[in-house]
Amino acid sequence: MEQEKAILALAALAQPTRLQAFNLLVKHEPDGIPAGDVAKMLAVPQNTMSSHLGVLTRAGLIRAERQSRMIVYRADVDTLRDLTLYLVKDCCGGRAELCAPLIAALTPCCCPEEKVSS
């Protein structure tokens, strides 16, 4: 990820409603959420939410897809991954023990649930 794209994404997330909307969309991956439902779930007027979703879209953090009369928004997980990697790239400066706590904290949220054998 280029520095300019990272700055744009971080600026988009540096506002409470946009951060909440992005987190909500990440939680609802891969199905996404219609724009009106995002507004209702966050108790934000639809026109205001539309502006926030536009900022997140221009930053490449979310994408919109028209489905009939609805616009469904989804988090762009690839951009989230790229931004995260950009922020932590070479975080340990050659000392793996510095990154170990970060990796340990990320691992539980990213591992698929193990199937319980009967």
N, C-alpha and C. Protein backbone atom coordinates (compact mmCIF):
# COMPACT_ATOMS: atom_id res chain seq x y z
N MET A 1 0.86 -1.18 0.00
CA MET A 1 0.00 0.00 0.00
C MET A 1 0.90 1.24 0.00
N GLU A 2 0.52 2.19 -0.81
CA GLU A 2 1.25 3.44 -0.88
C GLU A 2 0.87 4.33 0.31
N GLN A 3 1.78 5.20 0.68
CA GLN A 3 1.55 6.10 1.80
C GLN A 3 0.29 6.94 1.61
N GLU A 4 0.07 7.46 0.40
CA GLU A 4 -1.12 8.30 0.12
C GLU A 4 -2.42 7.54 0.39
N LYS A 5 -2.49 6.26 -0.05
CA LYS A 5 -3.69 5.46 0.19
C LYS A 5 -3.88 5.19 1.67
N ALA A 6 -2.79 4.94 2.39
CA ALA A 6 -2.87 4.70 3.83
C ALA A 6 -3.39 5.94 4.55
N ILE A 7 -2.89 7.10 4.17
CA ILE A 7 -3.34 8.35 4.80
C ILE A 7 -4.82 8.58 4.53
N LEU A 8 -5.26 8.34 3.30
CA LEU A 8 -6.66 8.50 2.95
C LEU A 8 -7.55 7.55 3.77
N ALA A 9 -7.13 6.31 3.90
CA ALA A 9 -7.90 5.32 4.67
C ALA A 9 -7.94 5.69 6.15
N LEU A 10 -6.81 6.07 6.70
CA LEU A 10 -6.77 6.44 8.11
C LEU A 10 -7.59 7.69 8.39
N ALA A 11 -7.55 8.66 7.48
CA ALA A 11 -8.36 9.86 7.63
C ALA A 11 -9.84 9.52 7.60
N ALA A 12 -10.23 8.61 6.73
CA ALA A 12 -11.64 8.20 6.64
C ALA A 12 -12.10 7.54 7.94
N LEU A 13 -11.23 6.79 8.56
CA LEU A 13 -11.58 6.09 9.80
C LEU A 13 -11.47 6.97 11.04
N ALA A 14 -10.93 8.17 10.89
CA ALA A 14 -10.69 9.05 12.03
C ALA A 14 -11.92 9.88 12.38
N GLN A 15 -13.07 9.29 12.25
CA GLN A 15 -14.34 9.94 12.58
C GLN A 15 -15.23 8.85 13.18
N PRO A 16 -15.83 9.11 14.34
CA PRO A 16 -16.55 8.05 15.06
C PRO A 16 -17.62 7.31 14.26
N THR A 17 -18.48 8.00 13.54
CA THR A 17 -19.55 7.33 12.80
C THR A 17 -18.98 6.47 11.69
N ARG A 18 -17.97 6.97 10.98
CA ARG A 18 -17.37 6.18 9.90
C ARG A 18 -16.66 4.96 10.46
N LEU A 19 -15.98 5.11 11.57
CA LEU A 19 -15.32 3.95 12.19
C LEU A 19 -16.35 2.92 12.62
N GLN A 20 -17.46 3.36 13.21
CA GLN A 20 -18.52 2.43 13.60
C GLN A 20 -19.12 1.73 12.39
N ALA A 21 -19.35 2.49 11.33
CA ALA A 21 -19.92 1.90 10.11
C ALA A 21 -18.97 0.87 9.52
N PHE A 22 -17.69 1.20 9.47
CA PHE A 22 -16.71 0.27 8.92
C PHE A 22 -16.66 -1.01 9.78
N ASN A 23 -16.60 -0.86 11.09
CA ASN A 23 -16.58 -2.03 11.97
C ASN A 23 -17.83 -2.88 11.78
N LEU A 24 -18.98 -2.25 11.63
CA LEU A 24 -20.24 -2.97 11.40
C LEU A 24 -20.19 -3.75 10.10
N LEU A 25 -19.67 -3.14 9.05
CA LEU A 25 -19.58 -3.82 7.77
C LEU A 25 -18.58 -4.97 7.80
N VAL A 26 -17.49 -4.81 8.53
CA VAL A 26 -16.53 -5.90 8.66
C VAL A 26 -17.20 -7.09 9.35
N LYS A 27 -17.99 -6.82 10.38
CA LYS A 27 -18.67 -7.89 11.11
C LYS A 27 -19.70 -8.62 10.24
N HIS A 28 -20.21 -7.95 9.23
CA HIS A 28 -21.24 -8.54 8.37
C HIS A 28 -20.70 -9.02 7.03
N GLU A 29 -19.41 -9.26 6.98
CA GLU A 29 -18.81 -9.83 5.77
C GLU A 29 -19.15 -11.30 5.69
N PRO A 30 -19.41 -11.87 4.56
CA PRO A 30 -19.35 -11.28 3.22
C PRO A 30 -20.69 -10.76 2.72
N ASP A 31 -21.73 -10.85 3.54
CA ASP A 31 -23.07 -10.50 3.06
C ASP A 31 -23.29 -9.02 2.82
N GLY A 32 -22.68 -8.19 3.65
CA GLY A 32 -22.88 -6.75 3.54
C GLY A 32 -24.19 -6.33 4.16
N ILE A 33 -24.44 -5.03 4.11
CA ILE A 33 -25.65 -4.46 4.71
C ILE A 33 -26.17 -3.35 3.79
N PRO A 34 -27.48 -3.32 3.56
CA PRO A 34 -28.05 -2.22 2.79
C PRO A 34 -27.80 -0.88 3.49
N ALA A 35 -27.60 0.17 2.71
CA ALA A 35 -27.27 1.49 3.25
C ALA A 35 -28.27 1.95 4.30
N GLY A 36 -29.56 1.78 4.04
CA GLY A 36 -30.58 2.20 5.00
C GLY A 36 -30.47 1.47 6.32
N ASP A 37 -30.11 0.20 6.26
CA ASP A 37 -29.96 -0.58 7.50
C ASP A 37 -28.75 -0.13 8.30
N VAL A 38 -27.67 0.24 7.60
CA VAL A 38 -26.49 0.75 8.31
C VAL A 38 -26.90 2.00 9.08
N ALA A 39 -27.64 2.90 8.43
CA ALA A 39 -28.09 4.13 9.08
C ALA A 39 -28.96 3.82 10.30
N LYS A 40 -29.90 2.89 10.14
CA LYS A 40 -30.77 2.53 11.26
C LYS A 40 -29.99 1.90 12.41
N MET A 41 -29.08 0.98 12.08
CA MET A 41 -28.33 0.27 13.11
C MET A 41 -27.44 1.23 13.92
N LEU A 42 -27.00 2.31 13.29
CA LEU A 42 -26.14 3.27 13.98
C LEU A 42 -26.89 4.52 14.42
N ALA A 43 -28.21 4.53 14.19
CA ALA A 43 -29.07 5.66 14.57
C ALA A 43 -28.54 6.98 14.01
N VAL A 44 -28.29 6.97 12.70
CA VAL A 44 -27.78 8.15 11.99
C VAL A 44 -28.74 8.44 10.85
N PRO A 45 -29.08 9.71 10.60
CA PRO A 45 -29.96 10.02 9.47
C PRO A 45 -29.37 9.46 8.16
N GLN A 46 -30.25 9.01 7.26
CA GLN A 46 -29.79 8.35 6.04
C GLN A 46 -28.92 9.24 5.16
N ASN A 47 -29.25 10.53 5.06
CA ASN A 47 -28.43 11.40 4.22
C ASN A 47 -27.04 11.60 4.82
N THR A 48 -26.96 11.66 6.13
CA THR A 48 -25.67 11.79 6.81
C THR A 48 -24.86 10.51 6.61
N MET A 49 -25.53 9.36 6.77
CA MET A 49 -24.83 8.09 6.59
C MET A 49 -24.35 7.94 5.15
N SER A 50 -25.14 8.41 4.21
CA SER A 50 -24.73 8.34 2.82
C SER A 50 -23.41 9.08 2.60
N SER A 51 -23.27 10.23 3.22
CA SER A 51 -22.03 11.00 3.11
C SER A 51 -20.86 10.23 3.72
N HIS A 52 -21.09 9.63 4.88
CA HIS A 52 -20.03 8.86 5.54
C HIS A 52 -19.63 7.64 4.70
N LEU A 53 -20.63 6.96 4.15
CA LEU A 53 -20.33 5.79 3.31
C LEU A 53 -19.58 6.21 2.05
N GLY A 54 -19.87 7.38 1.54
CA GLY A 54 -19.14 7.90 0.39
C GLY A 54 -17.67 8.13 0.69
N VAL A 55 -17.39 8.67 1.87
CA VAL A 55 -15.99 8.89 2.28
C VAL A 55 -15.26 7.56 2.39
N LEU A 56 -15.91 6.57 3.01
CA LEU A 56 -15.28 5.25 3.16
C LEU A 56 -15.08 4.57 1.81
N THR A 57 -16.02 4.79 0.89
CA THR A 57 -15.89 4.21 -0.45
C THR A 57 -14.73 4.84 -1.20
N ARG A 58 -14.64 6.17 -1.16
CA ARG A 58 -13.54 6.86 -1.85
C ARG A 58 -12.18 6.48 -1.27
N ALA A 59 -12.15 6.13 0.01
CA ALA A 59 -10.91 5.71 0.64
C ALA A 59 -10.57 4.25 0.32
N GLY A 60 -11.50 3.55 -0.35
CA GLY A 60 -11.26 2.16 -0.74
C GLY A 60 -11.50 1.16 0.38
N LEU A 61 -12.12 1.60 1.47
CA LEU A 61 -12.35 0.70 2.61
C LEU A 61 -13.62 -0.12 2.47
N ILE A 62 -14.57 0.40 1.70
CA ILE A 62 -15.82 -0.33 1.46
C ILE A 62 -16.16 -0.23 -0.02
N ARG A 63 -17.10 -1.08 -0.44
CA ARG A 63 -17.57 -1.03 -1.81
C ARG A 63 -19.09 -1.20 -1.79
N ALA A 64 -19.71 -0.65 -2.82
CA ALA A 64 -21.17 -0.68 -2.92
C ALA A 64 -21.59 -1.52 -4.12
N GLU A 65 -22.71 -2.19 -3.95
CA GLU A 65 -23.27 -2.99 -5.04
C GLU A 65 -24.78 -2.78 -5.06
N ARG A 66 -25.28 -2.41 -6.21
CA ARG A 66 -26.73 -2.24 -6.34
C ARG A 66 -27.39 -3.61 -6.46
N GLN A 67 -28.40 -3.83 -5.64
CA GLN A 67 -29.21 -5.05 -5.70
C GLN A 67 -30.66 -4.60 -5.76
N SER A 68 -31.21 -4.66 -6.96
CA SER A 68 -32.56 -4.19 -7.19
C SER A 68 -32.63 -2.70 -6.82
N ARG A 69 -33.44 -2.36 -5.84
CA ARG A 69 -33.57 -0.96 -5.44
C ARG A 69 -32.65 -0.59 -4.27
N MET A 70 -31.90 -1.53 -3.77
CA MET A 70 -31.03 -1.28 -2.62
C MET A 70 -29.56 -1.15 -3.05
N ILE A 71 -28.82 -0.42 -2.23
CA ILE A 71 -27.37 -0.41 -2.38
C ILE A 71 -26.81 -1.10 -1.15
N VAL A 72 -26.12 -2.21 -1.39
CA VAL A 72 -25.54 -3.00 -0.29
C VAL A 72 -24.07 -2.65 -0.20
N TYR A 73 -23.64 -2.35 1.03
CA TYR A 73 -22.24 -2.01 1.27
C TYR A 73 -21.53 -3.18 1.93
N ARG A 74 -20.28 -3.36 1.53
CA ARG A 74 -19.43 -4.41 2.09
C ARG A 74 -18.07 -3.82 2.41
N ALA A 75 -17.46 -4.33 3.45
CA ALA A 75 -16.09 -3.93 3.77
C ALA A 75 -15.16 -4.53 2.73
N ASP A 76 -14.14 -3.78 2.35
CA ASP A 76 -13.13 -4.30 1.44
C ASP A 76 -12.02 -4.90 2.31
N VAL A 77 -12.11 -6.18 2.53
CA VAL A 77 -11.19 -6.87 3.44
C VAL A 77 -9.76 -6.84 2.92
N ASP A 78 -9.59 -6.83 1.60
CA ASP A 78 -8.24 -6.74 1.04
C ASP A 78 -7.58 -5.42 1.41
N THR A 79 -8.34 -4.33 1.35
CA THR A 79 -7.79 -3.03 1.73
C THR A 79 -7.49 -2.99 3.22
N LEU A 80 -8.35 -3.58 4.03
CA LEU A 80 -8.09 -3.66 5.48
C LEU A 80 -6.79 -4.41 5.74
N ARG A 81 -6.61 -5.53 5.06
CA ARG A 81 -5.38 -6.30 5.21
C ARG A 81 -4.16 -5.48 4.78
N ASP A 82 -4.26 -4.82 3.63
CA ASP A 82 -3.15 -4.02 3.14
C ASP A 82 -2.80 -2.88 4.09
N LEU A 83 -3.82 -2.23 4.64
CA LEU A 83 -3.58 -1.14 5.59
C LEU A 83 -2.92 -1.65 6.85
N THR A 84 -3.41 -2.77 7.36
CA THR A 84 -2.81 -3.36 8.56
C THR A 84 -1.36 -3.74 8.32
N LEU A 85 -1.10 -4.37 7.19
CA LEU A 85 0.28 -4.75 6.86
C LEU A 85 1.16 -3.52 6.68
N TYR A 86 0.62 -2.47 6.09
CA TYR A 86 1.37 -1.24 5.92
C TYR A 86 1.78 -0.68 7.28
N LEU A 87 0.85 -0.71 8.24
CA LEU A 87 1.12 -0.14 9.56
C LEU A 87 2.12 -0.96 10.37
N VAL A 88 2.11 -2.27 10.19
CA VAL A 88 2.98 -3.11 11.03
C VAL A 88 4.19 -3.66 10.28
N LYS A 89 4.32 -3.31 9.00
CA LYS A 89 5.44 -3.82 8.23
C LYS A 89 6.75 -3.43 8.90
N ASP A 90 7.57 -4.42 9.09
CA ASP A 90 8.86 -4.24 9.74
C ASP A 90 8.72 -3.65 11.15
N CYS A 91 7.63 -3.98 11.82
CA CYS A 91 7.40 -3.45 13.16
C CYS A 91 8.44 -3.92 14.15
N CYS A 92 8.98 -5.10 13.90
CA CYS A 92 9.91 -5.65 14.88
C CYS A 92 11.36 -5.29 14.58
N GLY A 93 11.63 -4.69 13.44
CA GLY A 93 12.99 -4.30 13.12
C GLY A 93 13.99 -5.44 13.26
N GLY A 94 13.57 -6.64 12.87
CA GLY A 94 14.46 -7.79 12.97
C GLY A 94 14.40 -8.51 14.31
N ARG A 95 13.58 -8.01 15.23
CA ARG A 95 13.45 -8.64 16.55
C ARG A 95 12.03 -9.20 16.68
N ALA A 96 11.89 -10.48 16.34
CA ALA A 96 10.59 -11.14 16.28
C ALA A 96 9.82 -11.07 17.60
N GLU A 97 10.51 -11.02 18.72
CA GLU A 97 9.81 -11.00 20.01
C GLU A 97 8.97 -9.73 20.20
N LEU A 98 9.29 -8.67 19.46
CA LEU A 98 8.50 -7.45 19.56
C LEU A 98 7.14 -7.60 18.88
N CYS A 99 7.08 -8.39 17.83
CA CYS A 99 5.82 -8.58 17.09
C CYS A 99 5.00 -9.75 17.62
N ALA A 100 5.61 -10.60 18.40
CA ALA A 100 4.91 -11.80 18.89
C ALA A 100 3.59 -11.46 19.61
N PRO A 101 3.54 -10.45 20.49
CA PRO A 101 2.25 -10.14 21.14
C PRO A 101 1.18 -9.69 20.15
N LEU A 102 1.57 -8.94 19.13
CA LEU A 102 0.62 -8.50 18.11
C LEU A 102 0.07 -9.69 17.34
N ILE A 103 0.93 -10.58 16.94
CA ILE A 103 0.51 -11.77 16.19
C ILE A 103 -0.39 -12.64 17.06
N ALA A 104 -0.04 -12.78 18.33
CA ALA A 104 -0.86 -13.59 19.24
C ALA A 104 -2.25 -12.97 19.42
N ALA A 105 -2.32 -11.64 19.47
CA ALA A 105 -3.61 -10.97 19.64
C ALA A 105 -4.48 -11.09 18.38
N LEU A 106 -3.86 -11.12 17.20
CA LEU A 106 -4.61 -11.22 15.95
C LEU A 106 -5.05 -12.64 15.62
N THR A 107 -4.30 -13.61 16.05
CA THR A 107 -4.54 -15.00 15.67
C THR A 107 -5.94 -15.51 16.05
N PRO A 108 -6.44 -15.28 17.28
CA PRO A 108 -7.76 -15.83 17.61
C PRO A 108 -8.89 -15.30 16.74
N CYS A 109 -8.79 -14.06 16.28
CA CYS A 109 -9.89 -13.50 15.48
C CYS A 109 -9.83 -13.97 14.04
N CYS A 110 -8.72 -14.53 13.64
CA CYS A 110 -8.54 -14.89 12.23
C CYS A 110 -8.57 -16.38 11.98
N CYS A 111 -8.58 -17.18 13.00
CA CYS A 111 -8.56 -18.63 12.82
C CYS A 111 -9.98 -19.14 12.63
N PRO A 112 -10.18 -20.01 11.67
CA PRO A 112 -11.52 -20.60 11.52
C PRO A 112 -11.85 -21.45 12.73
N GLU A 113 -13.12 -21.50 13.06
CA GLU A 113 -13.54 -22.31 14.19
C GLU A 113 -13.25 -23.77 13.92
N GLU A 114 -12.71 -24.44 14.94
CA GLU A 114 -12.43 -25.86 14.79
C GLU A 114 -13.73 -26.64 14.89
N LYS A 115 -13.83 -27.65 14.08
CA LYS A 115 -15.03 -28.50 14.12
C LYS A 115 -14.89 -29.48 15.26
N VAL A 116 -15.95 -29.62 15.98
CA VAL A 116 -15.98 -30.56 17.10
C VAL A 116 -16.32 -31.93 16.55
N SER A 117 -15.47 -32.90 16.81
CA SER A 117 -15.77 -34.25 16.31
C SER A 117 -16.71 -34.95 17.27
N SER A 118 -17.64 -35.70 16.69
CA SER A 118 -18.65 -36.39 17.50
C SER A 118 -18.23 -37.82 17.75
